[in-house]
Amino acid sequence: MNKKKMKFVVAGAVIVVAIGSLVFFGVQKNMVYYRTVAELKAGGPTENVKVSGELVNGTLENEGIGDTLKFEIRDIEKTDEKILVSFTGQVPDTFRDEPGVEVVMDGDYLASGTFEAYKMLAKCPSKYESAADQAGAAETGQ
């Protein structure tokens, strides 16, 4: 290989490594690990974490429109594991104080034991699953 080709190969390799490292570190910084309530409590205070749990029926406190929501969520498998959540932001339409509402939130778990959420997604699968089951049963004649 002559010197001109060698310079081109080295420059190309440097560019590929630079782009690869930018992508790797950019993705690494924005990744949020998904945890259950039990894992979150066991790990202690954490910033920028994603947690999933089931809304504890009857714990929802809403001070007014645009104010902070406070409620408890529990681990889906270990139902005795609960944390208090403080959420300020846009509330999803599917978020209701009903049994079976699962929430997934991004936020910070504080040393006080409160999870300060800044983003929330609410799932209500039981409502949709029962409708799908009924439709399937009607089609099969059951």
C-alpha atoms as a PDB file:
ATOM      1  CA  MET A   1       0.000   0.000   0.000  1.00  0.00           C
ATOM      2  CA  ASN A   2       1.322   3.412  -0.821  1.00  0.00           C
ATOM      3  CA  LYS A   3       1.302   6.320   1.634  1.00  0.00           C
ATOM      4  CA  LYS A   4      -1.708   8.003   0.056  1.00  0.00           C
ATOM      5  CA  LYS A   5      -3.928   4.937   0.459  1.00  0.00           C
ATOM      6  CA  MET A   6      -2.656   4.382   3.997  1.00  0.00           C
ATOM      7  CA  LYS A   7      -3.590   7.938   5.021  1.00  0.00           C
ATOM      8  CA  PHE A   8      -7.073   7.409   3.555  1.00  0.00           C
ATOM      9  CA  VAL A   9      -7.545   4.125   5.446  1.00  0.00           C
ATOM     10  CA  VAL A  10      -6.340   5.630   8.756  1.00  0.00           C
ATOM     11  CA  ALA A  11      -8.541   8.717   8.340  1.00  0.00           C
ATOM     12  CA  GLY A  12     -11.546   6.514   7.530  1.00  0.00           C
ATOM     13  CA  ALA A  13     -10.889   4.331  10.590  1.00  0.00           C
ATOM     14  CA  VAL A  14     -10.636   7.392  12.848  1.00  0.00           C
ATOM     15  CA  ILE A  15     -13.946   8.736  11.513  1.00  0.00           C
ATOM     16  CA  VAL A  16     -15.695   5.384  11.995  1.00  0.00           C
ATOM     17  CA  VAL A  17     -14.382   5.087  15.585  1.00  0.00           C
ATOM     18  CA  ALA A  18     -15.412   8.689  16.364  1.00  0.00           C
ATOM     19  CA  ILE A  19     -18.946   8.214  15.035  1.00  0.00           C
ATOM     20  CA  GLY A  20     -19.272   4.853  16.792  1.00  0.00           C
ATOM     21  CA  SER A  21     -18.181   6.272  20.147  1.00  0.00           C
ATOM     22  CA  LEU A  22     -20.539   9.255  19.813  1.00  0.00           C
ATOM     23  CA  VAL A  23     -23.463   6.925  19.131  1.00  0.00           C
ATOM     24  CA  PHE A  24     -22.491   4.554  21.966  1.00  0.00           C
ATOM     25  CA  PHE A  25     -22.081   7.261  24.611  1.00  0.00           C
ATOM     26  CA  GLY A  26     -25.179   9.152  23.421  1.00  0.00           C
ATOM     27  CA  VAL A  27     -27.353   6.059  23.721  1.00  0.00           C
ATOM     28  CA  GLN A  28     -25.733   5.048  27.032  1.00  0.00           C
ATOM     29  CA  LYS A  29     -26.483   8.454  28.570  1.00  0.00           C
ATOM     30  CA  ASN A  30     -30.149   8.405  27.519  1.00  0.00           C
ATOM     31  CA  MET A  31     -30.885   4.818  28.557  1.00  0.00           C
ATOM     32  CA  VAL A  32     -33.179   4.398  31.517  1.00  0.00           C
ATOM     33  CA  TYR A  33     -33.304   1.038  33.267  1.00  0.00           C
ATOM     34  CA  TYR A  34     -36.809  -0.302  33.927  1.00  0.00           C
ATOM     35  CA  ARG A  35     -37.331  -1.359  37.575  1.00  0.00           C
ATOM     36  CA  THR A  36     -40.108  -2.810  39.688  1.00  0.00           C
ATOM     37  CA  VAL A  37     -41.125  -1.168  42.970  1.00  0.00           C
ATOM     38  CA  ALA A  38     -39.264  -3.842  44.969  1.00  0.00           C
ATOM     39  CA  GLU A  39     -36.052  -3.321  42.931  1.00  0.00           C
ATOM     40  CA  LEU A  40     -36.318   0.446  43.312  1.00  0.00           C
ATOM     41  CA  LYS A  41     -36.697   0.255  47.094  1.00  0.00           C
ATOM     42  CA  ALA A  42     -33.838  -2.240  47.407  1.00  0.00           C
ATOM     43  CA  GLY A  43     -31.502  -0.048  45.346  1.00  0.00           C
ATOM     44  CA  GLY A  44     -32.021   3.157  47.319  1.00  0.00           C
ATOM     45  CA  PRO A  45     -32.097   6.740  46.011  1.00  0.00           C
ATOM     46  CA  THR A  46     -31.607   6.935  42.240  1.00  0.00           C
ATOM     47  CA  GLU A  47     -31.868   9.650  39.610  1.00  0.00           C
ATOM     48  CA  ASN A  48     -33.376   9.237  36.139  1.00  0.00           C
ATOM     49  CA  VAL A  49     -34.988   5.851  36.619  1.00  0.00           C
ATOM     50  CA  LYS A  50     -38.061   4.181  35.125  1.00  0.00           C
ATOM     51  CA  VAL A  51     -40.394   2.285  37.455  1.00  0.00           C
ATOM     52  CA  SER A  52     -43.559   0.291  36.916  1.00  0.00           C
ATOM     53  CA  GLY A  53     -46.256  -0.557  39.406  1.00  0.00           C
ATOM     54  CA  GLU A  54     -49.953  -0.841  40.042  1.00  0.00           C
ATOM     55  CA  LEU A  55     -51.909   2.105  41.431  1.00  0.00           C
ATOM     56  CA  VAL A  56     -53.070   1.412  44.984  1.00  0.00           C
ATOM     57  CA  ASN A  57     -56.817   1.975  44.818  1.00  0.00           C
ATOM     58  CA  GLY A  58     -58.039   4.884  46.974  1.00  0.00           C
ATOM     59  CA  THR A  59     -54.670   6.608  47.461  1.00  0.00           C
ATOM     60  CA  LEU A  60     -54.993   9.219  44.696  1.00  0.00           C
ATOM     61  CA  GLU A  61     -54.863  12.808  46.010  1.00  0.00           C
ATOM     62  CA  ASN A  62     -55.428  15.625  43.541  1.00  0.00           C
ATOM     63  CA  GLU A  63     -55.173  19.123  44.936  1.00  0.00           C
ATOM     64  CA  GLY A  64     -56.565  20.805  41.825  1.00  0.00           C
ATOM     65  CA  ILE A  65     -56.082  21.290  38.112  1.00  0.00           C
ATOM     66  CA  GLY A  66     -52.393  21.642  37.314  1.00  0.00           C
ATOM     67  CA  ASP A  67     -51.316  20.758  40.853  1.00  0.00           C
ATOM     68  CA  THR A  68     -49.241  17.838  42.033  1.00  0.00           C
ATOM     69  CA  LEU A  69     -50.820  14.377  42.098  1.00  0.00           C
ATOM     70  CA  LYS A  70     -49.882  12.135  44.999  1.00  0.00           C
ATOM     71  CA  PHE A  71     -50.612   8.423  45.081  1.00  0.00           C
ATOM     72  CA  GLU A  72     -49.089   5.083  45.966  1.00  0.00           C
ATOM     73  CA  ILE A  73     -48.032   2.315  43.640  1.00  0.00           C
ATOM     74  CA  ARG A  74     -47.227  -1.271  44.547  1.00  0.00           C
ATOM     75  CA  ASP A  75     -45.121  -3.979  43.009  1.00  0.00           C
ATOM     76  CA  ILE A  76     -47.225  -6.134  40.681  1.00  0.00           C
ATOM     77  CA  GLU A  77     -45.745  -9.395  41.998  1.00  0.00           C
ATOM     78  CA  LYS A  78     -44.831  -8.396  45.566  1.00  0.00           C
ATOM     79  CA  THR A  79     -47.985  -6.462  46.459  1.00  0.00           C
ATOM     80  CA  ASP A  80     -46.722  -5.572  49.961  1.00  0.00           C
ATOM     81  CA  GLU A  81     -43.946  -3.393  48.433  1.00  0.00           C
ATOM     82  CA  LYS A  82     -45.307   0.171  48.003  1.00  0.00           C
ATOM     83  CA  ILE A  83     -43.920   3.661  47.352  1.00  0.00           C
ATOM     84  CA  LEU A  84     -45.414   7.136  47.406  1.00  0.00           C
ATOM     85  CA  VAL A  85     -45.394   8.973  44.065  1.00  0.00           C
ATOM     86  CA  SER A  86     -45.480  12.714  43.509  1.00  0.00           C
ATOM     87  CA  PHE A  87     -46.308  13.655  39.912  1.00  0.00           C
ATOM     88  CA  THR A  88     -46.584  17.041  38.250  1.00  0.00           C
ATOM     89  CA  GLY A  89     -47.393  17.027  34.571  1.00  0.00           C
ATOM     90  CA  GLN A  90     -49.941  15.972  32.016  1.00  0.00           C
ATOM     91  CA  VAL A  91     -52.050  13.076  33.287  1.00  0.00           C
ATOM     92  CA  PRO A  92     -52.803  10.334  30.731  1.00  0.00           C
ATOM     93  CA  ASP A  93     -56.473   9.763  29.833  1.00  0.00           C
ATOM     94  CA  THR A  94     -56.309   6.134  30.995  1.00  0.00           C
ATOM     95  CA  PHE A  95     -55.125   7.099  34.489  1.00  0.00           C
ATOM     96  CA  ARG A  96     -58.029   6.532  36.888  1.00  0.00           C
ATOM     97  CA  ASP A  97     -58.374   5.555  40.527  1.00  0.00           C
ATOM     98  CA  GLU A  98     -59.577   2.053  39.624  1.00  0.00           C
ATOM     99  CA  PRO A  99     -58.269  -1.443  40.367  1.00  0.00           C
ATOM    100  CA  GLY A 100     -55.783  -2.863  37.859  1.00  0.00           C
ATOM    101  CA  VAL A 101     -54.348   0.422  36.544  1.00  0.00           C
ATOM    102  CA  GLU A 102     -50.641  -0.075  35.850  1.00  0.00           C
ATOM    103  CA  VAL A 103     -48.384   2.978  35.576  1.00  0.00           C
ATOM    104  CA  VAL A 104     -44.900   3.344  34.120  1.00  0.00           C
ATOM    105  CA  MET A 105     -43.065   6.496  35.189  1.00  0.00           C
ATOM    106  CA  ASP A 106     -39.755   8.241  34.666  1.00  0.00           C
ATOM    107  CA  GLY A 107     -38.329  10.212  37.558  1.00  0.00           C
ATOM    108  CA  ASP A 108     -36.085  10.297  40.610  1.00  0.00           C
ATOM    109  CA  TYR A 109     -36.329   8.093  43.706  1.00  0.00           C
ATOM    110  CA  LEU A 110     -35.485  10.298  46.680  1.00  0.00           C
ATOM    111  CA  ALA A 111     -33.905   9.362  50.016  1.00  0.00           C
ATOM    112  CA  SER A 112     -37.242  10.235  51.672  1.00  0.00           C
ATOM    113  CA  GLY A 113     -38.789   7.206  49.915  1.00  0.00           C
ATOM    114  CA  THR A 114     -40.871   9.327  47.527  1.00  0.00           C
ATOM    115  CA  PHE A 115     -40.679   8.863  43.769  1.00  0.00           C
ATOM    116  CA  GLU A 116     -40.820  12.238  41.985  1.00  0.00           C
ATOM    117  CA  ALA A 117     -42.172  11.455  38.536  1.00  0.00           C
ATOM    118  CA  TYR A 118     -41.879  13.820  35.594  1.00  0.00           C
ATOM    119  CA  LYS A 119     -43.331  11.519  32.930  1.00  0.00           C
ATOM    120  CA  MET A 120     -46.145   8.972  33.255  1.00  0.00           C
ATOM    121  CA  LEU A 121     -47.805   6.343  31.085  1.00  0.00           C
ATOM    122  CA  ALA A 122     -50.914   4.564  32.365  1.00  0.00           C
ATOM    123  CA  LYS A 123     -52.069   1.179  31.138  1.00  0.00           C
ATOM    124  CA  CYS A 124     -55.451  -0.346  31.806  1.00  0.00           C
ATOM    125  CA  PRO A 125     -55.248  -3.776  30.170  1.00  0.00           C
ATOM    126  CA  SER A 126     -58.187  -5.378  31.989  1.00  0.00           C
ATOM    127  CA  LYS A 127     -60.671  -3.072  30.268  1.00  0.00           C
ATOM    128  CA  TYR A 128     -59.343  -3.913  26.800  1.00  0.00           C
ATOM    129  CA  GLU A 129     -58.663  -7.604  27.461  1.00  0.00           C
ATOM    130  CA  SER A 130     -62.208  -8.294  28.649  1.00  0.00           C
ATOM    131  CA  ALA A 131     -63.663  -6.592  25.571  1.00  0.00           C
ATOM    132  CA  ALA A 132     -61.361  -8.643  23.323  1.00  0.00           C
ATOM    133  CA  ASP A 133     -62.246 -11.863  25.180  1.00  0.00           C
ATOM    134  CA  GLN A 134     -65.969 -11.157  24.816  1.00  0.00           C
ATOM    135  CA  ALA A 135     -65.582 -10.453  21.093  1.00  0.00           C
ATOM    136  CA  GLY A 136     -63.621 -13.697  20.647  1.00  0.00           C
ATOM    137  CA  ALA A 137     -66.242 -15.692  22.554  1.00  0.00           C
ATOM    138  CA  ALA A 138     -69.042 -14.204  20.442  1.00  0.00           C
ATOM    139  CA  GLU A 139     -67.246 -15.174  17.221  1.00  0.00           C
ATOM    140  CA  THR A 140     -66.749 -18.771  18.341  1.00  0.00           C
ATOM    141  CA  GLY A 141     -70.352 -19.036  19.591  1.00  0.00           C
ATOM    142  CA  GLN A 142     -69.473 -19.566  23.261  1.00  0.00           C
END
